[in-house]
C-alpha atoms as a PDB file:
ATOM      1  CA  MET A   1     -14.235  -4.698  12.287  1.00  0.00           C
ATOM      2  CA  HIS A   2     -17.280  -5.204  14.483  1.00  0.00           C
ATOM      3  CA  GLY A   3     -19.863  -7.954  14.456  1.00  0.00           C
ATOM      4  CA  GLU A   4     -19.623 -11.730  14.346  1.00  0.00           C
ATOM      5  CA  HIS A   5     -16.152 -13.288  14.279  1.00  0.00           C
ATOM      6  CA  ARG A   6     -15.064 -16.907  13.925  1.00  0.00           C
ATOM      7  CA  SER A   7     -12.912 -16.485  17.026  1.00  0.00           C
ATOM      8  CA  GLY A   8     -11.225 -13.825  19.119  1.00  0.00           C
ATOM      9  CA  CYS A   9      -7.757 -14.919  17.960  1.00  0.00           C
ATOM     10  CA  PRO A  10      -5.826 -11.793  16.857  1.00  0.00           C
ATOM     11  CA  ILE A  11      -4.521 -13.541  13.723  1.00  0.00           C
ATOM     12  CA  ASN A  12      -8.033 -14.657  12.778  1.00  0.00           C
ATOM     13  CA  LEU A  13      -9.379 -11.144  13.359  1.00  0.00           C
ATOM     14  CA  THR A  14      -6.665  -9.707  11.106  1.00  0.00           C
ATOM     15  CA  LEU A  15      -7.351 -12.271   8.398  1.00  0.00           C
ATOM     16  CA  GLU A  16     -11.068 -11.540   8.539  1.00  0.00           C
ATOM     17  CA  VAL A  17     -10.214  -7.979   7.463  1.00  0.00           C
ATOM     18  CA  LEU A  18      -7.155  -8.510   5.246  1.00  0.00           C
ATOM     19  CA  GLY A  19      -7.171 -12.186   4.291  1.00  0.00           C
ATOM     20  CA  ASP A  20      -8.705 -11.965   0.832  1.00  0.00           C
ATOM     21  CA  ARG A  21      -6.655 -11.848  -2.362  1.00  0.00           C
ATOM     22  CA  TRP A  22      -6.961  -8.088  -3.006  1.00  0.00           C
ATOM     23  CA  SER A  23      -7.074  -6.026   0.196  1.00  0.00           C
ATOM     24  CA  LEU A  24      -3.334  -5.919   0.845  1.00  0.00           C
ATOM     25  CA  ILE A  25      -2.633  -5.262  -2.854  1.00  0.00           C
ATOM     26  CA  ILE A  26      -4.924  -2.212  -2.696  1.00  0.00           C
ATOM     27  CA  ILE A  27      -3.274  -1.021   0.515  1.00  0.00           C
ATOM     28  CA  ARG A  28       0.149  -1.623  -1.068  1.00  0.00           C
ATOM     29  CA  ASP A  29      -0.781   0.518  -4.076  1.00  0.00           C
ATOM     30  CA  LEU A  30      -2.095   3.327  -1.872  1.00  0.00           C
ATOM     31  CA  MET A  31       0.915   3.071   0.435  1.00  0.00           C
ATOM     32  CA  PHE A  32       3.869   2.605  -1.909  1.00  0.00           C
ATOM     33  CA  GLY A  33       2.440   3.842  -5.219  1.00  0.00           C
ATOM     34  CA  ASN A  34       0.447   6.800  -3.843  1.00  0.00           C
ATOM     35  CA  ARG A  35      -2.484   5.724  -6.017  1.00  0.00           C
ATOM     36  CA  ARG A  36      -5.345   7.631  -4.444  1.00  0.00           C
ATOM     37  CA  HIS A  37      -8.101   7.442  -7.088  1.00  0.00           C
ATOM     38  CA  TYR A  38     -10.228   4.509  -8.205  1.00  0.00           C
ATOM     39  CA  ARG A  39      -9.018   4.732 -11.829  1.00  0.00           C
ATOM     40  CA  GLU A  40      -5.335   4.684 -10.744  1.00  0.00           C
ATOM     41  CA  LEU A  41      -5.931   1.651  -8.554  1.00  0.00           C
ATOM     42  CA  LEU A  42      -7.778  -0.089 -11.393  1.00  0.00           C
ATOM     43  CA  THR A  43      -5.384   0.621 -14.259  1.00  0.00           C
ATOM     44  CA  LEU A  44      -1.905   0.946 -12.725  1.00  0.00           C
ATOM     45  CA  SER A  45      -1.733  -2.296 -10.747  1.00  0.00           C
ATOM     46  CA  ASP A  46       0.123  -5.200 -12.373  1.00  0.00           C
ATOM     47  CA  GLU A  47      -2.356  -7.645 -10.841  1.00  0.00           C
ATOM     48  CA  ARG A  48      -5.313  -6.413 -12.965  1.00  0.00           C
ATOM     49  CA  ILE A  49      -8.080  -6.351 -10.390  1.00  0.00           C
ATOM     50  CA  ALA A  50     -11.604  -6.421 -11.825  1.00  0.00           C
ATOM     51  CA  SER A  51     -13.545  -3.162 -11.428  1.00  0.00           C
ATOM     52  CA  ASN A  52     -16.373  -4.747  -9.409  1.00  0.00           C
ATOM     53  CA  VAL A  53     -13.884  -6.425  -7.064  1.00  0.00           C
ATOM     54  CA  LEU A  54     -11.961  -3.159  -6.584  1.00  0.00           C
ATOM     55  CA  ALA A  55     -15.153  -1.250  -5.778  1.00  0.00           C
ATOM     56  CA  ASP A  56     -16.189  -3.943  -3.281  1.00  0.00           C
ATOM     57  CA  ARG A  57     -12.780  -4.063  -1.563  1.00  0.00           C
ATOM     58  CA  LEU A  58     -12.561  -0.270  -1.287  1.00  0.00           C
ATOM     59  CA  LYS A  59     -15.955  -0.271   0.461  1.00  0.00           C
ATOM     60  CA  ARG A  60     -14.905  -3.126   2.763  1.00  0.00           C
ATOM     61  CA  LEU A  61     -11.590  -1.472   3.660  1.00  0.00           C
ATOM     62  CA  ALA A  62     -13.375   1.810   4.414  1.00  0.00           C
ATOM     63  CA  LYS A  63     -15.965   0.002   6.541  1.00  0.00           C
ATOM     64  CA  ALA A  64     -13.128  -1.755   8.414  1.00  0.00           C
ATOM     65  CA  GLY A  65     -11.549   1.640   9.186  1.00  0.00           C
ATOM     66  CA  LEU A  66      -8.452   1.165   7.014  1.00  0.00           C
ATOM     67  CA  LEU A  67      -9.371   3.725   4.331  1.00  0.00           C
ATOM     68  CA  THR A  68     -11.324   6.922   4.098  1.00  0.00           C
ATOM     69  CA  ARG A  69     -13.056   8.219   1.000  1.00  0.00           C
ATOM     70  CA  ARG A  70     -13.646  11.891   0.306  1.00  0.00           C
ATOM     71  CA  ALA A  71     -14.781  13.879  -2.690  1.00  0.00           C
ATOM     72  CA  ASP A  72     -12.044  15.144  -4.990  1.00  0.00           C
ATOM     73  CA  PRO A  73     -12.404  18.932  -5.243  1.00  0.00           C
ATOM     74  CA  SER A  74     -10.896  18.868  -8.755  1.00  0.00           C
ATOM     75  CA  HIS A  75     -13.651  16.660 -10.204  1.00  0.00           C
ATOM     76  CA  ARG A  76     -17.220  16.082  -9.018  1.00  0.00           C
ATOM     77  CA  GLN A  77     -17.283  12.382  -9.928  1.00  0.00           C
ATOM     78  CA  LYS A  78     -13.896  11.453  -8.441  1.00  0.00           C
ATOM     79  CA  ALA A  79     -13.054  10.398  -4.921  1.00  0.00           C
ATOM     80  CA  ILE A  80      -9.743  10.441  -3.103  1.00  0.00           C
ATOM     81  CA  TYR A  81      -8.892   7.423  -0.949  1.00  0.00           C
ATOM     82  CA  SER A  82      -6.633   7.829   2.055  1.00  0.00           C
ATOM     83  CA  LEU A  83      -5.014   5.405   4.452  1.00  0.00           C
ATOM     84  CA  THR A  84      -5.986   5.632   8.109  1.00  0.00           C
ATOM     85  CA  GLU A  85      -3.602   5.179  11.025  1.00  0.00           C
ATOM     86  CA  PRO A  86      -4.431   1.440  11.332  1.00  0.00           C
ATOM     87  CA  ALA A  87      -3.534   0.985   7.641  1.00  0.00           C
ATOM     88  CA  ILE A  88      -0.305   2.961   8.020  1.00  0.00           C
ATOM     89  CA  ALA A  89       0.573   0.668  10.937  1.00  0.00           C
ATOM     90  CA  LEU A  90       0.702  -2.185   8.379  1.00  0.00           C
ATOM     91  CA  VAL A  91       3.992  -0.863   6.898  1.00  0.00           C
ATOM     92  CA  PRO A  92       6.224  -3.268   8.899  1.00  0.00           C
ATOM     93  CA  ILE A  93       3.978  -6.212   7.975  1.00  0.00           C
ATOM     94  CA  LEU A  94       4.050  -5.359   4.270  1.00  0.00           C
ATOM     95  CA  VAL A  95       7.840  -4.921   4.414  1.00  0.00           C
ATOM     96  CA  GLN A  96       8.165  -8.373   5.973  1.00  0.00           C
ATOM     97  CA  MET A  97       5.804  -9.865   3.378  1.00  0.00           C
ATOM     98  CA  GLY A  98       7.968  -8.362   0.632  1.00  0.00           C
ATOM     99  CA  ALA A  99      11.092  -9.786   2.263  1.00  0.00           C
ATOM    100  CA  TRP A 100       9.462 -13.213   2.526  1.00  0.00           C
ATOM    101  CA  GLY A 101       8.385 -13.071  -1.132  1.00  0.00           C
ATOM    102  CA  ARG A 102      11.906 -12.172  -2.237  1.00  0.00           C
ATOM    103  CA  ARG A 103      13.353 -15.124  -0.337  1.00  0.00           C
ATOM    104  CA  HIS A 104      10.765 -17.843  -0.884  1.00  0.00           C
ATOM    105  CA  ALA A 105       9.152 -17.115  -4.265  1.00  0.00           C
ATOM    106  CA  VAL A 106      10.350 -16.268  -7.749  1.00  0.00           C
ATOM    107  CA  ALA A 107      10.003 -12.490  -7.554  1.00  0.00           C
ATOM    108  CA  SER A 108      10.746 -10.084 -10.377  1.00  0.00           C
ATOM    109  CA  PRO A 109      14.089  -8.364  -9.740  1.00  0.00           C
ATOM    110  CA  ALA A 110      12.666  -5.039 -10.937  1.00  0.00           C
ATOM    111  CA  LEU A 111       9.621  -5.309  -8.670  1.00  0.00           C
ATOM    112  CA  SER A 112      11.781  -6.436  -5.740  1.00  0.00           C
ATOM    113  CA  ILE A 113      13.811  -3.229  -5.573  1.00  0.00           C
ATOM    114  CA  ARG A 114      11.475  -1.392  -3.192  1.00  0.00           C
ATOM    115  CA  ALA A 115      11.099  -4.456  -0.986  1.00  0.00           C
ATOM    116  CA  GLU A 116      14.865  -4.772  -0.748  1.00  0.00           C
ATOM    117  CA  LEU A 117      15.358  -1.071   0.038  1.00  0.00           C
ATOM    118  CA  LEU A 118      12.700  -1.214   2.746  1.00  0.00           C
ATOM    119  CA  GLU A 119      14.088  -4.402   4.245  1.00  0.00           C
ATOM    120  CA  GLU A 120      17.635  -3.049   4.295  1.00  0.00           C
ATOM    121  CA  GLY A 121      16.494   0.314   5.686  1.00  0.00           C
ATOM    122  CA  GLY A 122      14.946  -1.442   8.672  1.00  0.00           C
ATOM    123  CA  PRO A 123      12.674   0.109  11.297  1.00  0.00           C
ATOM    124  CA  PRO A 124      14.149   3.637  11.013  1.00  0.00           C
ATOM    125  CA  LEU A 125      13.207   3.776   7.317  1.00  0.00           C
ATOM    126  CA  TRP A 126       9.785   2.240   8.040  1.00  0.00           C
ATOM    127  CA  GLN A 127       9.121   4.888  10.684  1.00  0.00           C
ATOM    128  CA  ALA A 128      10.153   7.643   8.267  1.00  0.00           C
ATOM    129  CA  LEU A 129       7.834   6.174   5.623  1.00  0.00           C
ATOM    130  CA  MET A 130       4.989   5.971   8.140  1.00  0.00           C
ATOM    131  CA  ALA A 131       5.536   9.637   9.061  1.00  0.00           C
ATOM    132  CA  GLU A 132       5.427  10.568   5.371  1.00  0.00           C
ATOM    133  CA  LEU A 133       2.234   8.551   4.871  1.00  0.00           C
ATOM    134  CA  ARG A 134       0.677  10.422   7.798  1.00  0.00           C
ATOM    135  CA  THR A 135       1.533  13.681   6.027  1.00  0.00           C
ATOM    136  CA  LEU A 136       0.017  12.516   2.730  1.00  0.00           C
ATOM    137  CA  HIS A 137      -3.050  10.739   4.088  1.00  0.00           C
ATOM    138  CA  LEU A 138      -3.771  12.273   7.491  1.00  0.00           C
ATOM    139  CA  ASP A 139      -2.550  15.851   6.935  1.00  0.00           C
ATOM    140  CA  ALA A 140       0.181  15.516   9.567  1.00  0.00           C
ATOM    141  CA  PRO A 141       3.090  18.003   9.464  1.00  0.00           C
ATOM    142  CA  ALA A 142       5.659  17.189   6.772  1.00  0.00           C
ATOM    143  CA  ALA A 143       9.182  15.962   7.408  1.00  0.00           C
ATOM    144  CA  GLY A 144      12.027  17.060   5.132  1.00  0.00           C
ATOM    145  CA  TYR A 145      13.099  13.709   3.649  1.00  0.00           C
ATOM    146  CA  SER A 146      10.848  11.790   1.215  1.00  0.00           C
ATOM    147  CA  VAL A 147      11.060   8.020   1.507  1.00  0.00           C
ATOM    148  CA  LEU A 148       8.428   7.617  -1.211  1.00  0.00           C
ATOM    149  CA  ALA A 149      10.482   9.647  -3.682  1.00  0.00           C
ATOM    150  CA  GLU A 150      13.443   7.353  -3.049  1.00  0.00           C
ATOM    151  CA  LEU A 151      11.314   4.216  -3.395  1.00  0.00           C
ATOM    152  CA  GLN A 152       9.809   5.446  -6.653  1.00  0.00           C
ATOM    153  CA  SER A 153      13.195   6.240  -8.228  1.00  0.00           C
ATOM    154  CA  PRO A 154      14.958   3.064  -9.372  1.00  0.00           C
ATOM    155  CA  PRO A 155      18.676   2.865  -8.520  1.00  0.00           C
ATOM    156  CA  ALA A 156      21.118   4.093 -11.172  1.00  0.00           C
ATOM    157  CA  SER A 157      22.627   0.591 -11.410  1.00  0.00           C
ATOM    158  CA  LEU A 158      19.514  -0.789 -13.187  1.00  0.00           C
ATOM    159  CA  SER A 159      19.267  -1.178 -16.944  1.00  0.00           C
ATOM    160  CA  ALA A 160      16.717   0.935 -18.841  1.00  0.00           C
ATOM    161  CA  ASP A 161      14.379  -2.093 -19.163  1.00  0.00           C
ATOM    162  CA  GLN A 162      14.580  -2.818 -15.432  1.00  0.00           C
ATOM    163  CA  LYS A 163      13.893   0.848 -14.608  1.00  0.00           C
ATOM    164  CA  ALA A 164      10.821   0.866 -16.866  1.00  0.00           C
ATOM    165  CA  SER A 165       9.360  -2.272 -15.277  1.00  0.00           C
ATOM    166  CA  ALA A 166      10.086  -1.001 -11.739  1.00  0.00           C
ATOM    167  CA  ARG A 167       7.795   2.008 -12.168  1.00  0.00           C
END
């Protein structure tokens, strides 16, 4: 996040880091889907990011201080990506983006479930999620309740087809 900038406007500075088509999708998948490996990010996202674009964005996000990359001890050729504290601080922004998308775009009901739960849970739920992300990504002490487990389990009121597309 250093170097030449178009202006010192905080919104401009944020957009210089996150304003492309893919960066927030990658952060979303790390944050809400706990996708920590390149292959998971490449194959499990509905948006079908190209491999060269994913590799480039992961490097950019790491350079900007939003991700870290470390070797995966289970496999020599794999890396594990983790969110940093500045990326975890994006939770409220992503929740609000999800809420906006639900209201002002034609969003899939199945893919809107998590956005709705997060919006309805408000700041207390966001803080709990941020604490859990710190445990997963920054090795902070664990809390007892898992927000991610709740977000990844579709409500019982959904049909089988809706549950399958929500995963």
